[in-house]
Protein backbone atom coordinates (compact mmCIF):
# COMPACT_ATOMS: atom_id res chain seq x y z
CA MET A 1 6.40 -16.86 -17.62
CA ASP A 2 9.58 -14.83 -17.20
CA ILE A 3 9.92 -11.73 -15.02
CA GLN A 4 10.00 -9.28 -17.95
CA THR A 5 6.71 -10.62 -19.32
CA ARG A 6 5.14 -10.44 -15.88
CA LYS A 7 6.28 -6.82 -15.48
CA ILE A 8 4.79 -5.85 -18.84
CA GLU A 9 1.49 -7.54 -17.99
CA PHE A 10 1.47 -5.83 -14.61
CA ILE A 11 2.08 -2.42 -16.19
CA GLN A 12 -0.71 -3.01 -18.69
CA ASP A 13 -3.09 -3.92 -15.86
CA PHE A 14 -1.88 -0.98 -13.77
CA LEU A 15 -2.61 1.47 -16.60
CA LYS A 16 -6.26 0.33 -16.48
CA VAL A 17 -6.62 1.15 -12.76
CA LYS A 18 -9.03 4.02 -12.09
CA SER A 19 -9.06 3.88 -8.30
CA GLU A 20 -6.81 6.40 -6.58
CA ASP A 21 -7.08 4.31 -3.43
CA LEU A 22 -5.69 1.25 -5.18
CA ILE A 23 -2.87 3.28 -6.73
CA SER A 24 -1.99 4.65 -3.29
CA ARG A 25 -1.91 1.14 -1.83
CA LEU A 26 0.30 -0.13 -4.63
CA GLU A 27 2.64 2.83 -4.13
CA ALA A 28 2.82 2.01 -0.43
CA ILE A 29 3.68 -1.59 -1.22
CA LEU A 30 6.49 -0.49 -3.53
CA ARG A 31 7.87 1.93 -0.93
CA LYS A 32 7.74 -0.75 1.74
CA GLU A 33 9.50 -3.21 -0.57
CA ASP A 34 12.23 -0.65 -1.24
CA TYR A 35 12.98 -0.52 2.48
CA SER A 36 12.95 -4.26 2.95
CA SER A 37 15.13 -4.90 -0.09
CA ASN A 38 17.87 -2.55 1.12
CA PRO A 39 17.99 -2.57 4.94
CA ASP A 40 21.02 -0.25 4.98
CA GLU A 41 18.76 2.57 3.77
CA PHE A 42 16.08 1.91 6.39
CA LYS A 43 15.56 4.86 8.71
CA PRO A 44 13.56 4.18 11.89
CA MET A 45 10.83 6.67 12.68
CA THR A 46 11.17 9.01 15.61
CA VAL A 47 8.88 8.89 18.63
CA GLU A 48 7.25 12.07 17.33
CA GLU A 49 6.59 10.47 13.92
CA PHE A 50 5.21 7.39 15.66
CA ASN A 51 2.87 9.48 17.80
CA ASN A 52 1.75 11.45 14.72
CA ARG A 53 0.86 8.20 12.98
CA ILE A 54 -1.14 7.11 16.01
CA ASP A 55 -2.97 10.45 16.04
CA LYS A 56 -3.70 10.16 12.31
CA SER A 57 -4.96 6.61 12.76
CA MET A 58 -7.24 7.66 15.60
CA GLU A 59 -8.58 10.54 13.49
CA ASP A 60 -9.21 8.15 10.58
CA SER A 61 -11.07 5.80 12.93
CA GLU A 62 -13.21 8.58 14.37
CA ASN A 63 -14.10 9.81 10.86
CA GLY A 64 -14.94 6.39 9.44
CA ARG A 65 -11.95 6.24 7.10
CA LEU A 66 -11.29 2.57 7.74
CA ILE A 67 -11.96 -0.67 5.93
CA SER A 68 -12.58 -3.93 7.71
CA ALA A 69 -10.26 -6.85 7.10
CA GLY A 70 -13.15 -8.79 5.54
CA ASP A 71 -14.01 -5.95 3.15
CA LEU A 72 -10.36 -5.57 2.21
CA LYS A 73 -10.07 -9.29 1.54
CA SER A 74 -13.16 -9.12 -0.70
CA LYS A 75 -11.71 -6.19 -2.65
CA ILE A 76 -8.40 -8.00 -3.13
CA GLU A 77 -10.21 -11.09 -4.39
CA GLU A 78 -11.90 -8.89 -7.02
CA TRP A 79 -8.48 -8.02 -8.47
CA ASN A 80 -8.17 -11.51 -9.96
């Protein structure tokens, strides 16, 4: 299967997605790929940004907004 066909099939599947969480994760993957595909455009985060991410992560943990690796793996296996 060529890349164009795969893209079309992916888009068709993507249009069926109803989970905002899944859409957010796919967006994050695309953003991350953009950085890795063009390292010249990569901008390291500041110490302040890093600390803010840590604070946000701690807040998410304290408020139960986490998913275990096992649960995530199960959800990913459901995609197929």
